[in-house]
Amino acid sequence: MTGVIVVIFVLSALLILMACVKADRVRSWRASLNPSAPDIPDAGFTVARLILVVMAVVGVVIAFQGIAAEDNGGWSDDELTSAVEGATDALDGSFTYGGPLEDDTPADFGGEYARKVEDEVVEHGGGDAPQFGVDAALTDKTSEQARYRITANGAGASFCMHVQRTHAGYIETVVPGLSGDAGAVKQPKYTFGVSTRAGEC
């Protein structure tokens, strides 16, 4: 995208330069190529200059729109820092329940939780931060803890998020449609401790 914007600015500058060329110079150059060609009236040069200037202005406007679009499509270091801090606060202390038969089942750190981290960072971006472009790459995991390298398109900063899952007991619930002891089940409860530091994992 940056390369296209630069090309548009260069072409716009060339159009302005062409508009500044004197009519006599153009006439002499044209006569050297085709001496029998009819002379170009001054009005023709005026119209040509106007067209060249308008094309240059349109090119500059398009280039600045491209710069604005590129800025809106990328994260700044400050935006990513704020978003990661907000995501860390939101995830730290959060909890989930496992199914009755899922006691001690390893957490899905490589799938569901990684997407949750990305979603939380995007949600806490705020302001002009894009609603996409965040990556939470799993760098290390066990059954109960994981580390993610968090980056975002356009930002030079990266962060290392550490997530620790803890089995925090059980909750008792009832299976719909059953009553008494037959319907009573226990679901494991898991809490997540989350911390983040700047830099690589």
N, C-alpha and C. Protein backbone atom coordinates (compact mmCIF):
# COMPACT_ATOMS: atom_id res chain seq x y z
N MET A 1 0.83 -1.21 0.00
CA MET A 1 0.00 0.00 0.00
C MET A 1 0.87 1.26 0.00
N THR A 2 1.93 1.25 0.79
CA THR A 2 2.81 2.41 0.86
C THR A 2 3.45 2.69 -0.48
N GLY A 3 3.85 1.63 -1.19
CA GLY A 3 4.47 1.79 -2.50
C GLY A 3 3.52 2.44 -3.49
N VAL A 4 2.26 2.04 -3.47
CA VAL A 4 1.26 2.63 -4.37
C VAL A 4 1.08 4.12 -4.07
N ILE A 5 1.04 4.46 -2.80
CA ILE A 5 0.88 5.87 -2.40
C ILE A 5 2.04 6.71 -2.89
N VAL A 6 3.26 6.18 -2.77
CA VAL A 6 4.45 6.90 -3.24
C VAL A 6 4.38 7.12 -4.75
N VAL A 7 3.97 6.09 -5.50
CA VAL A 7 3.87 6.19 -6.96
C VAL A 7 2.85 7.27 -7.34
N ILE A 8 1.73 7.32 -6.63
CA ILE A 8 0.70 8.32 -6.93
C ILE A 8 1.24 9.73 -6.69
N PHE A 9 1.98 9.93 -5.59
CA PHE A 9 2.57 11.24 -5.32
C PHE A 9 3.57 11.63 -6.42
N VAL A 10 4.38 10.67 -6.86
CA VAL A 10 5.37 10.94 -7.91
C VAL A 10 4.68 11.31 -9.21
N LEU A 11 3.65 10.56 -9.58
CA LEU A 11 2.92 10.86 -10.82
C LEU A 11 2.25 12.24 -10.74
N SER A 12 1.72 12.57 -9.59
CA SER A 12 1.09 13.89 -9.42
C SER A 12 2.11 15.00 -9.59
N ALA A 13 3.32 14.79 -9.04
CA ALA A 13 4.39 15.79 -9.20
C ALA A 13 4.78 15.93 -10.67
N LEU A 14 4.85 14.82 -11.38
CA LEU A 14 5.19 14.87 -12.81
C LEU A 14 4.12 15.62 -13.61
N LEU A 15 2.86 15.42 -13.25
CA LEU A 15 1.78 16.14 -13.94
C LEU A 15 1.90 17.65 -13.71
N ILE A 16 2.25 18.05 -12.50
CA ILE A 16 2.45 19.47 -12.22
C ILE A 16 3.61 20.02 -13.04
N LEU A 17 4.70 19.27 -13.11
CA LEU A 17 5.84 19.70 -13.91
C LEU A 17 5.47 19.85 -15.38
N MET A 18 4.68 18.91 -15.88
CA MET A 18 4.24 19.00 -17.28
C MET A 18 3.39 20.24 -17.50
N ALA A 19 2.55 20.58 -16.51
CA ALA A 19 1.71 21.77 -16.65
C ALA A 19 2.53 23.05 -16.65
N CYS A 20 3.75 23.00 -16.10
CA CYS A 20 4.59 24.20 -16.01
C CYS A 20 5.46 24.42 -17.24
N VAL A 21 5.48 23.46 -18.15
CA VAL A 21 6.31 23.60 -19.35
C VAL A 21 5.75 24.73 -20.22
N LYS A 22 6.62 25.61 -20.71
CA LYS A 22 6.19 26.76 -21.52
C LYS A 22 5.69 26.31 -22.89
N ALA A 23 4.72 27.05 -23.39
CA ALA A 23 4.12 26.72 -24.69
C ALA A 23 5.15 26.77 -25.81
N ASP A 24 6.06 27.76 -25.78
CA ASP A 24 7.07 27.88 -26.84
C ASP A 24 7.98 26.65 -26.89
N ARG A 25 8.31 26.10 -25.73
CA ARG A 25 9.16 24.91 -25.69
C ARG A 25 8.44 23.71 -26.33
N VAL A 26 7.12 23.60 -26.01
CA VAL A 26 6.34 22.50 -26.60
C VAL A 26 6.24 22.68 -28.11
N ARG A 27 6.01 23.91 -28.55
CA ARG A 27 5.88 24.17 -30.00
C ARG A 27 7.18 23.83 -30.74
N SER A 28 8.33 24.22 -30.14
CA SER A 28 9.60 23.94 -30.81
C SER A 28 9.89 22.44 -30.83
N TRP A 29 9.56 21.76 -29.76
CA TRP A 29 9.78 20.31 -29.72
C TRP A 29 8.89 19.60 -30.74
N ARG A 30 7.63 20.07 -30.85
CA ARG A 30 6.69 19.47 -31.80
C ARG A 30 7.11 19.75 -33.24
N ALA A 31 7.61 20.97 -33.47
CA ALA A 31 8.05 21.32 -34.83
C ALA A 31 9.26 20.50 -35.24
N SER A 32 10.14 20.18 -34.30
CA SER A 32 11.31 19.37 -34.65
C SER A 32 10.92 17.94 -35.01
N LEU A 33 9.82 17.46 -34.43
CA LEU A 33 9.35 16.12 -34.75
C LEU A 33 8.50 16.08 -36.01
N ASN A 34 7.66 17.10 -36.18
CA ASN A 34 6.75 17.14 -37.32
C ASN A 34 6.59 18.58 -37.80
N PRO A 35 7.49 19.05 -38.66
CA PRO A 35 7.47 20.46 -39.10
C PRO A 35 6.19 20.87 -39.80
N SER A 36 5.51 19.93 -40.46
CA SER A 36 4.31 20.28 -41.22
C SER A 36 3.04 20.30 -40.38
N ALA A 37 3.15 19.96 -39.09
CA ALA A 37 1.96 19.92 -38.23
C ALA A 37 1.44 21.34 -37.99
N PRO A 38 0.11 21.49 -37.89
CA PRO A 38 -0.45 22.83 -37.65
C PRO A 38 -0.09 23.33 -36.24
N ASP A 39 -0.05 24.65 -36.12
CA ASP A 39 0.32 25.25 -34.83
C ASP A 39 -0.80 25.05 -33.81
N ILE A 40 -0.40 24.87 -32.52
CA ILE A 40 -1.38 24.70 -31.45
C ILE A 40 -1.72 26.08 -30.87
N PRO A 41 -3.02 26.42 -30.78
CA PRO A 41 -3.40 27.72 -30.23
C PRO A 41 -3.14 27.79 -28.72
N ASP A 42 -3.03 29.02 -28.22
CA ASP A 42 -2.79 29.21 -26.78
C ASP A 42 -3.91 28.61 -25.94
N ALA A 43 -5.14 28.66 -26.45
CA ALA A 43 -6.27 28.09 -25.71
C ALA A 43 -6.08 26.59 -25.47
N GLY A 44 -5.47 25.91 -26.42
CA GLY A 44 -5.22 24.48 -26.27
C GLY A 44 -4.26 24.20 -25.12
N PHE A 45 -3.24 25.05 -25.00
CA PHE A 45 -2.29 24.89 -23.89
C PHE A 45 -2.97 25.17 -22.54
N THR A 46 -3.85 26.14 -22.52
CA THR A 46 -4.57 26.47 -21.28
C THR A 46 -5.42 25.29 -20.82
N VAL A 47 -6.15 24.70 -21.77
CA VAL A 47 -6.99 23.55 -21.43
C VAL A 47 -6.13 22.38 -20.96
N ALA A 48 -5.00 22.14 -21.66
CA ALA A 48 -4.12 21.03 -21.28
C ALA A 48 -3.55 21.23 -19.88
N ARG A 49 -3.14 22.47 -19.58
CA ARG A 49 -2.61 22.76 -18.24
C ARG A 49 -3.68 22.52 -17.16
N LEU A 50 -4.91 22.95 -17.44
CA LEU A 50 -6.00 22.77 -16.49
C LEU A 50 -6.25 21.29 -16.23
N ILE A 51 -6.26 20.49 -17.29
CA ILE A 51 -6.48 19.04 -17.14
C ILE A 51 -5.36 18.41 -16.33
N LEU A 52 -4.12 18.80 -16.62
CA LEU A 52 -2.98 18.23 -15.89
C LEU A 52 -3.02 18.58 -14.40
N VAL A 53 -3.38 19.83 -14.11
CA VAL A 53 -3.46 20.25 -12.70
C VAL A 53 -4.58 19.51 -11.98
N VAL A 54 -5.74 19.38 -12.63
CA VAL A 54 -6.87 18.66 -12.02
C VAL A 54 -6.49 17.21 -11.75
N MET A 55 -5.83 16.57 -12.71
CA MET A 55 -5.40 15.18 -12.52
C MET A 55 -4.41 15.07 -11.36
N ALA A 56 -3.52 16.05 -11.24
CA ALA A 56 -2.55 16.02 -10.14
C ALA A 56 -3.24 16.17 -8.80
N VAL A 57 -4.21 17.09 -8.72
CA VAL A 57 -4.95 17.30 -7.47
C VAL A 57 -5.72 16.04 -7.08
N VAL A 58 -6.36 15.41 -8.07
CA VAL A 58 -7.09 14.16 -7.80
C VAL A 58 -6.14 13.09 -7.27
N GLY A 59 -4.95 13.01 -7.88
CA GLY A 59 -3.96 12.04 -7.43
C GLY A 59 -3.52 12.29 -5.99
N VAL A 60 -3.30 13.55 -5.63
CA VAL A 60 -2.89 13.89 -4.26
C VAL A 60 -4.00 13.53 -3.26
N VAL A 61 -5.25 13.83 -3.63
CA VAL A 61 -6.38 13.50 -2.75
C VAL A 61 -6.46 11.99 -2.54
N ILE A 62 -6.32 11.23 -3.60
CA ILE A 62 -6.38 9.76 -3.50
C ILE A 62 -5.23 9.25 -2.62
N ALA A 63 -4.05 9.84 -2.79
CA ALA A 63 -2.90 9.40 -2.00
C ALA A 63 -3.12 9.66 -0.51
N PHE A 64 -3.66 10.83 -0.17
CA PHE A 64 -3.92 11.12 1.24
C PHE A 64 -5.02 10.22 1.81
N GLN A 65 -6.01 9.89 0.99
CA GLN A 65 -7.03 8.94 1.44
C GLN A 65 -6.41 7.57 1.71
N GLY A 66 -5.45 7.19 0.87
CA GLY A 66 -4.74 5.93 1.07
C GLY A 66 -3.94 5.93 2.36
N ILE A 67 -3.31 7.07 2.66
CA ILE A 67 -2.55 7.19 3.92
C ILE A 67 -3.49 7.04 5.12
N ALA A 68 -4.66 7.69 5.03
CA ALA A 68 -5.63 7.61 6.14
C ALA A 68 -6.13 6.17 6.30
N ALA A 69 -6.41 5.50 5.16
CA ALA A 69 -6.89 4.12 5.24
C ALA A 69 -5.83 3.20 5.81
N GLU A 70 -4.58 3.43 5.43
CA GLU A 70 -3.48 2.60 5.94
C GLU A 70 -3.30 2.81 7.44
N ASP A 71 -3.45 4.06 7.89
CA ASP A 71 -3.31 4.36 9.31
C ASP A 71 -4.44 3.70 10.12
N ASN A 72 -5.66 3.73 9.56
CA ASN A 72 -6.80 3.14 10.25
C ASN A 72 -6.73 1.61 10.26
N GLY A 73 -5.96 1.04 9.32
CA GLY A 73 -5.87 -0.42 9.23
C GLY A 73 -4.75 -1.01 10.05
N GLY A 74 -3.94 -0.19 10.70
CA GLY A 74 -2.81 -0.69 11.48
C GLY A 74 -2.87 -0.23 12.93
N TRP A 75 -2.27 -1.03 13.80
CA TRP A 75 -2.20 -0.70 15.22
C TRP A 75 -0.95 0.12 15.51
N SER A 76 -1.07 1.06 16.43
CA SER A 76 0.12 1.75 16.94
C SER A 76 0.57 1.03 18.20
N ASP A 77 1.79 1.31 18.63
CA ASP A 77 2.30 0.69 19.86
C ASP A 77 1.46 1.09 21.07
N ASP A 78 1.05 2.35 21.11
CA ASP A 78 0.24 2.82 22.25
C ASP A 78 -1.12 2.13 22.27
N GLU A 79 -1.73 1.97 21.08
CA GLU A 79 -3.04 1.30 21.02
C GLU A 79 -2.93 -0.15 21.48
N LEU A 80 -1.88 -0.84 21.02
CA LEU A 80 -1.71 -2.24 21.41
C LEU A 80 -1.41 -2.36 22.90
N THR A 81 -0.58 -1.47 23.43
CA THR A 81 -0.25 -1.50 24.85
C THR A 81 -1.51 -1.35 25.70
N SER A 82 -2.33 -0.36 25.37
CA SER A 82 -3.56 -0.12 26.13
C SER A 82 -4.52 -1.31 26.00
N ALA A 83 -4.62 -1.86 24.79
CA ALA A 83 -5.54 -2.98 24.57
C ALA A 83 -5.10 -4.22 25.33
N VAL A 84 -3.81 -4.49 25.37
CA VAL A 84 -3.31 -5.67 26.08
C VAL A 84 -3.51 -5.50 27.58
N GLU A 85 -3.29 -4.30 28.08
CA GLU A 85 -3.52 -4.04 29.51
C GLU A 85 -4.99 -4.28 29.87
N GLY A 86 -5.89 -3.78 29.03
CA GLY A 86 -7.32 -3.98 29.27
C GLY A 86 -7.72 -5.44 29.19
N ALA A 87 -7.17 -6.15 28.21
CA ALA A 87 -7.47 -7.58 28.06
C ALA A 87 -6.95 -8.37 29.26
N THR A 88 -5.77 -8.02 29.73
CA THR A 88 -5.19 -8.72 30.89
C THR A 88 -6.07 -8.54 32.12
N ASP A 89 -6.53 -7.31 32.36
CA ASP A 89 -7.41 -7.05 33.51
C ASP A 89 -8.72 -7.82 33.38
N ALA A 90 -9.25 -7.91 32.16
CA ALA A 90 -10.52 -8.59 31.95
C ALA A 90 -10.40 -10.10 32.13
N LEU A 91 -9.28 -10.67 31.69
CA LEU A 91 -9.11 -12.12 31.74
C LEU A 91 -8.64 -12.61 33.11
N ASP A 92 -7.90 -11.76 33.82
CA ASP A 92 -7.38 -12.17 35.12
C ASP A 92 -8.54 -12.33 36.12
N GLY A 93 -8.65 -13.51 36.70
CA GLY A 93 -9.73 -13.78 37.64
C GLY A 93 -11.00 -14.32 36.98
N SER A 94 -10.99 -14.45 35.66
CA SER A 94 -12.16 -15.02 34.99
C SER A 94 -12.24 -16.50 35.29
N PHE A 95 -13.38 -17.09 35.00
CA PHE A 95 -13.55 -18.52 35.32
C PHE A 95 -14.43 -19.19 34.28
N THR A 96 -14.40 -20.50 34.31
CA THR A 96 -15.25 -21.29 33.42
C THR A 96 -15.59 -22.59 34.13
N TYR A 97 -16.60 -23.27 33.62
CA TYR A 97 -17.01 -24.56 34.18
C TYR A 97 -16.78 -25.66 33.16
N GLY A 98 -16.31 -26.78 33.63
CA GLY A 98 -16.19 -27.95 32.77
C GLY A 98 -17.43 -28.80 32.87
N GLY A 99 -17.54 -29.77 31.99
CA GLY A 99 -18.67 -30.69 32.04
C GLY A 99 -18.48 -31.69 33.18
N PRO A 100 -19.55 -32.38 33.55
CA PRO A 100 -19.47 -33.34 34.66
C PRO A 100 -18.42 -34.42 34.45
N LEU A 101 -18.12 -34.73 33.19
CA LEU A 101 -17.14 -35.78 32.89
C LEU A 101 -15.80 -35.21 32.45
N GLU A 102 -15.60 -33.92 32.65
CA GLU A 102 -14.38 -33.26 32.15
C GLU A 102 -13.43 -32.86 33.27
N ASP A 103 -13.51 -33.50 34.39
CA ASP A 103 -12.62 -33.17 35.50
C ASP A 103 -11.17 -33.40 35.10
N ASP A 104 -10.34 -32.38 35.33
CA ASP A 104 -8.91 -32.43 35.00
C ASP A 104 -8.62 -32.53 33.50
N THR A 105 -9.59 -32.19 32.68
CA THR A 105 -9.35 -32.16 31.23
C THR A 105 -8.43 -30.98 30.92
N PRO A 106 -7.38 -31.18 30.12
CA PRO A 106 -6.48 -30.07 29.79
C PRO A 106 -7.24 -28.93 29.11
N ALA A 107 -6.82 -27.70 29.39
CA ALA A 107 -7.46 -26.54 28.77
C ALA A 107 -7.11 -26.47 27.28
N ASP A 108 -8.02 -25.92 26.52
CA ASP A 108 -7.79 -25.76 25.07
C ASP A 108 -7.02 -24.47 24.83
N PHE A 109 -5.78 -24.43 25.30
CA PHE A 109 -4.98 -23.21 25.18
C PHE A 109 -4.61 -22.89 23.73
N GLY A 110 -4.53 -23.91 22.89
CA GLY A 110 -4.13 -23.66 21.51
C GLY A 110 -5.27 -23.27 20.60
N GLY A 111 -6.50 -23.39 21.06
CA GLY A 111 -7.64 -23.08 20.21
C GLY A 111 -8.56 -22.03 20.79
N GLU A 112 -9.51 -22.49 21.61
CA GLU A 112 -10.54 -21.60 22.14
C GLU A 112 -9.96 -20.46 22.96
N TYR A 113 -8.99 -20.75 23.83
CA TYR A 113 -8.49 -19.68 24.70
C TYR A 113 -7.65 -18.67 23.91
N ALA A 114 -6.92 -19.14 22.92
CA ALA A 114 -6.14 -18.22 22.08
C ALA A 114 -7.05 -17.24 21.36
N ARG A 115 -8.18 -17.74 20.85
CA ARG A 115 -9.15 -16.84 20.20
C ARG A 115 -9.75 -15.87 21.20
N LYS A 116 -9.96 -16.35 22.42
CA LYS A 116 -10.51 -15.47 23.47
C LYS A 116 -9.55 -14.33 23.78
N VAL A 117 -8.26 -14.64 23.83
CA VAL A 117 -7.25 -13.60 24.07
C VAL A 117 -7.29 -12.56 22.95
N GLU A 118 -7.30 -13.02 21.70
CA GLU A 118 -7.34 -12.10 20.56
C GLU A 118 -8.59 -11.22 20.60
N ASP A 119 -9.74 -11.84 20.90
CA ASP A 119 -10.99 -11.08 20.96
C ASP A 119 -10.96 -10.02 22.05
N GLU A 120 -10.39 -10.37 23.20
CA GLU A 120 -10.33 -9.41 24.30
C GLU A 120 -9.42 -8.23 23.96
N VAL A 121 -8.30 -8.51 23.30
CA VAL A 121 -7.39 -7.41 22.92
C VAL A 121 -8.08 -6.48 21.94
N VAL A 122 -8.76 -7.05 20.93
CA VAL A 122 -9.47 -6.22 19.96
C VAL A 122 -10.56 -5.40 20.64
N GLU A 123 -11.29 -6.04 21.55
CA GLU A 123 -12.39 -5.35 22.24
C GLU A 123 -11.90 -4.18 23.07
N HIS A 124 -10.69 -4.29 23.63
CA HIS A 124 -10.16 -3.22 24.47
C HIS A 124 -9.28 -2.23 23.69
N GLY A 125 -9.27 -2.37 22.36
CA GLY A 125 -8.48 -1.44 21.55
C GLY A 125 -8.99 -0.01 21.66
N GLY A 126 -10.30 0.15 21.50
CA GLY A 126 -10.91 1.46 21.64
C GLY A 126 -10.40 2.47 20.63
N GLY A 127 -10.95 3.66 20.66
CA GLY A 127 -10.50 4.77 19.81
C GLY A 127 -10.50 4.40 18.34
N ASP A 128 -9.36 4.69 17.69
CA ASP A 128 -9.22 4.43 16.26
C ASP A 128 -8.54 3.09 15.98
N ALA A 129 -8.36 2.27 17.00
CA ALA A 129 -7.69 0.98 16.80
C ALA A 129 -8.54 0.09 15.88
N PRO A 130 -7.90 -0.64 14.98
CA PRO A 130 -8.66 -1.53 14.09
C PRO A 130 -9.36 -2.63 14.87
N GLN A 131 -10.36 -3.20 14.27
CA GLN A 131 -11.10 -4.30 14.88
C GLN A 131 -10.61 -5.65 14.35
N PHE A 132 -9.35 -5.70 13.96
CA PHE A 132 -8.77 -6.93 13.42
C PHE A 132 -7.25 -6.81 13.50
N GLY A 133 -6.55 -7.87 13.09
CA GLY A 133 -5.10 -7.80 12.99
C GLY A 133 -4.32 -8.19 14.22
N VAL A 134 -4.99 -8.74 15.25
CA VAL A 134 -4.30 -9.15 16.48
C VAL A 134 -4.01 -10.65 16.41
N ASP A 135 -2.81 -11.03 16.84
CA ASP A 135 -2.44 -12.44 16.84
C ASP A 135 -1.91 -12.83 18.22
N ALA A 136 -2.49 -13.89 18.79
CA ALA A 136 -2.01 -14.45 20.05
C ALA A 136 -1.41 -15.82 19.73
N ALA A 137 -0.09 -15.84 19.53
CA ALA A 137 0.59 -17.07 19.14
C ALA A 137 1.03 -17.84 20.38
N LEU A 138 0.59 -19.08 20.48
CA LEU A 138 0.95 -19.93 21.61
C LEU A 138 2.43 -20.31 21.52
N THR A 139 3.20 -19.95 22.53
CA THR A 139 4.64 -20.24 22.50
C THR A 139 5.04 -21.36 23.44
N ASP A 140 4.19 -21.63 24.45
CA ASP A 140 4.52 -22.67 25.42
C ASP A 140 3.25 -23.05 26.16
N LYS A 141 3.07 -24.35 26.46
CA LYS A 141 1.89 -24.73 27.22
C LYS A 141 2.10 -26.06 27.93
N THR A 142 1.37 -26.21 29.03
CA THR A 142 1.19 -27.50 29.71
C THR A 142 -0.32 -27.69 29.81
N SER A 143 -0.75 -28.65 30.60
CA SER A 143 -2.19 -28.86 30.73
C SER A 143 -2.87 -27.73 31.49
N GLU A 144 -2.08 -26.98 32.28
CA GLU A 144 -2.69 -25.98 33.15
C GLU A 144 -2.18 -24.56 32.95
N GLN A 145 -1.19 -24.35 32.09
CA GLN A 145 -0.71 -22.99 31.86
C GLN A 145 -0.21 -22.84 30.43
N ALA A 146 -0.15 -21.58 30.01
CA ALA A 146 0.27 -21.29 28.64
C ALA A 146 0.86 -19.89 28.57
N ARG A 147 1.67 -19.67 27.52
CA ARG A 147 2.21 -18.34 27.22
C ARG A 147 1.87 -17.99 25.77
N TYR A 148 1.50 -16.73 25.59
CA TYR A 148 1.14 -16.25 24.26
C TYR A 148 1.99 -15.03 23.90
N ARG A 149 2.47 -15.01 22.67
CA ARG A 149 3.15 -13.82 22.14
C ARG A 149 2.10 -13.01 21.38
N ILE A 150 1.80 -11.82 21.90
CA ILE A 150 0.73 -11.01 21.32
C ILE A 150 1.33 -9.91 20.45
N THR A 151 0.92 -9.88 19.20
CA THR A 151 1.36 -8.86 18.24
C THR A 151 0.14 -8.34 17.49
N ALA A 152 0.34 -7.25 16.75
CA ALA A 152 -0.76 -6.70 15.95
C ALA A 152 -0.18 -6.05 14.70
N ASN A 153 -0.93 -6.08 13.62
CA ASN A 153 -0.50 -5.48 12.36
C ASN A 153 -0.20 -4.00 12.54
N GLY A 154 1.00 -3.59 12.14
CA GLY A 154 1.39 -2.19 12.21
C GLY A 154 2.13 -1.80 13.47
N ALA A 155 2.01 -2.58 14.53
CA ALA A 155 2.66 -2.25 15.80
C ALA A 155 4.01 -2.95 15.89
N GLY A 156 5.00 -2.24 16.36
CA GLY A 156 6.32 -2.83 16.55
C GLY A 156 6.45 -3.53 17.89
N ALA A 157 5.59 -3.19 18.82
CA ALA A 157 5.65 -3.78 20.16
C ALA A 157 5.06 -5.18 20.16
N SER A 158 5.53 -5.99 21.10
CA SER A 158 4.95 -7.31 21.32
C SER A 158 4.88 -7.55 22.83
N PHE A 159 4.02 -8.47 23.23
CA PHE A 159 3.79 -8.73 24.64
C PHE A 159 3.73 -10.23 24.89
N CYS A 160 4.13 -10.62 26.09
CA CYS A 160 4.08 -12.02 26.50
C CYS A 160 3.03 -12.15 27.60
N MET A 161 1.98 -12.91 27.31
CA MET A 161 0.90 -13.12 28.28
C MET A 161 1.03 -14.53 28.87
N HIS A 162 1.00 -14.59 30.19
CA HIS A 162 1.05 -15.88 30.89
C HIS A 162 -0.31 -16.16 31.49
N VAL A 163 -0.83 -17.37 31.22
CA VAL A 163 -2.14 -17.77 31.71
C VAL A 163 -1.99 -19.03 32.55
N GLN A 164 -2.51 -18.98 33.76
CA GLN A 164 -2.47 -20.12 34.68
C GLN A 164 -3.91 -20.53 35.01
N ARG A 165 -4.26 -21.77 34.69
CA ARG A 165 -5.60 -22.26 35.03
C ARG A 165 -5.52 -23.04 36.34
N THR A 166 -6.45 -22.76 37.25
CA THR A 166 -6.48 -23.42 38.56
C THR A 166 -7.83 -24.06 38.79
N HIS A 167 -7.82 -25.31 39.25
CA HIS A 167 -9.05 -26.00 39.59
C HIS A 167 -9.55 -25.44 40.92
N ALA A 168 -10.70 -24.77 40.88
CA ALA A 168 -11.20 -24.06 42.06
C ALA A 168 -12.41 -24.73 42.67
N GLY A 169 -12.49 -26.05 42.62
CA GLY A 169 -13.59 -26.76 43.24
C GLY A 169 -14.69 -27.13 42.26
N TYR A 170 -15.89 -27.29 42.79
CA TYR A 170 -17.02 -27.75 41.98
C TYR A 170 -18.25 -26.91 42.28
N ILE A 171 -19.17 -26.94 41.33
CA ILE A 171 -20.51 -26.41 41.57
C ILE A 171 -21.49 -27.56 41.36
N GLU A 172 -22.56 -27.55 42.13
CA GLU A 172 -23.58 -28.58 41.97
C GLU A 172 -24.71 -28.02 41.12
N THR A 173 -25.13 -28.81 40.17
CA THR A 173 -26.22 -28.40 39.28
C THR A 173 -27.11 -29.61 39.03
N VAL A 174 -28.18 -29.36 38.32
CA VAL A 174 -29.16 -30.42 38.06
C VAL A 174 -29.33 -30.59 36.56
N VAL A 175 -29.32 -31.84 36.12
CA VAL A 175 -29.55 -32.13 34.71
C VAL A 175 -31.02 -31.87 34.38
N PRO A 176 -31.32 -31.08 33.35
CA PRO A 176 -32.72 -30.82 32.99
C PRO A 176 -33.48 -32.12 32.71
N GLY A 177 -34.66 -32.23 33.28
CA GLY A 177 -35.50 -33.40 33.04
C GLY A 177 -35.37 -34.48 34.09
N LEU A 178 -34.36 -34.39 34.95
CA LEU A 178 -34.17 -35.38 36.00
C LEU A 178 -34.37 -34.70 37.36
N SER A 179 -34.75 -35.48 38.33
CA SER A 179 -34.97 -34.91 39.66
C SER A 179 -34.25 -35.74 40.71
N GLY A 180 -34.09 -35.19 41.89
CA GLY A 180 -33.46 -35.90 42.99
C GLY A 180 -32.00 -36.19 42.74
N ASP A 181 -31.54 -37.27 43.36
CA ASP A 181 -30.12 -37.63 43.23
C ASP A 181 -29.73 -37.98 41.81
N ALA A 182 -30.69 -38.48 41.02
CA ALA A 182 -30.38 -38.86 39.64
C ALA A 182 -30.01 -37.66 38.78
N GLY A 183 -30.58 -36.51 39.12
CA GLY A 183 -30.31 -35.31 38.31
C GLY A 183 -29.18 -34.46 38.84
N ALA A 184 -28.66 -34.75 40.02
CA ALA A 184 -27.61 -33.93 40.63
C ALA A 184 -26.25 -34.29 40.05
N VAL A 185 -25.53 -33.29 39.56
CA VAL A 185 -24.18 -33.49 39.03
C VAL A 185 -23.27 -32.40 39.56
N LYS A 186 -21.98 -32.68 39.53
CA LYS A 186 -20.98 -31.69 39.94
C LYS A 186 -20.14 -31.32 38.72
N GLN A 187 -19.97 -30.02 38.52
CA GLN A 187 -19.13 -29.52 37.43
C GLN A 187 -17.88 -28.88 38.01
N PRO A 188 -16.72 -29.18 37.45
CA PRO A 188 -15.51 -28.54 37.94
C PRO A 188 -15.47 -27.06 37.55
N LYS A 189 -14.97 -26.25 38.46
CA LYS A 189 -14.82 -24.82 38.19
C LYS A 189 -13.33 -24.51 38.07
N TYR A 190 -13.00 -23.73 37.03
CA TYR A 190 -11.60 -23.36 36.79
C TYR A 190 -11.48 -21.84 36.76
N THR A 191 -10.49 -21.32 37.43
CA THR A 191 -10.21 -19.88 37.38
C THR A 191 -8.91 -19.65 36.62
N PHE A 192 -8.78 -18.47 36.05
CA PHE A 192 -7.61 -18.13 35.24
C PHE A 192 -6.87 -16.94 35.85
N GLY A 193 -5.60 -17.14 36.11
CA GLY A 193 -4.75 -16.04 36.52
C GLY A 193 -3.94 -15.59 35.32
N VAL A 194 -4.02 -14.31 34.98
CA VAL A 194 -3.39 -13.80 33.76
C VAL A 194 -2.49 -12.62 34.08
N SER A 195 -1.28 -12.66 33.57
CA SER A 195 -0.34 -11.53 33.70
C SER A 195 0.36 -11.33 32.37
N THR A 196 0.81 -10.12 32.14
CA THR A 196 1.44 -9.79 30.85
C THR A 196 2.64 -8.88 31.08
N ARG A 197 3.67 -9.10 30.29
CA ARG A 197 4.82 -8.21 30.30
C ARG A 197 5.21 -7.87 28.86
N ALA A 198 5.86 -6.74 28.68
CA ALA A 198 6.30 -6.34 27.36
C ALA A 198 7.47 -7.19 26.90
N GLY A 199 7.54 -7.45 25.60
CA GLY A 199 8.67 -8.21 25.05
C GLY A 199 8.28 -9.60 24.61
N GLU A 200 9.31 -10.33 24.20
CA GLU A 200 9.11 -11.69 23.69
C GLU A 200 8.89 -12.67 24.83
N CYS A 201 8.26 -13.81 24.50
CA CYS A 201 8.06 -14.87 25.48
C CYS A 201 9.30 -15.77 25.52
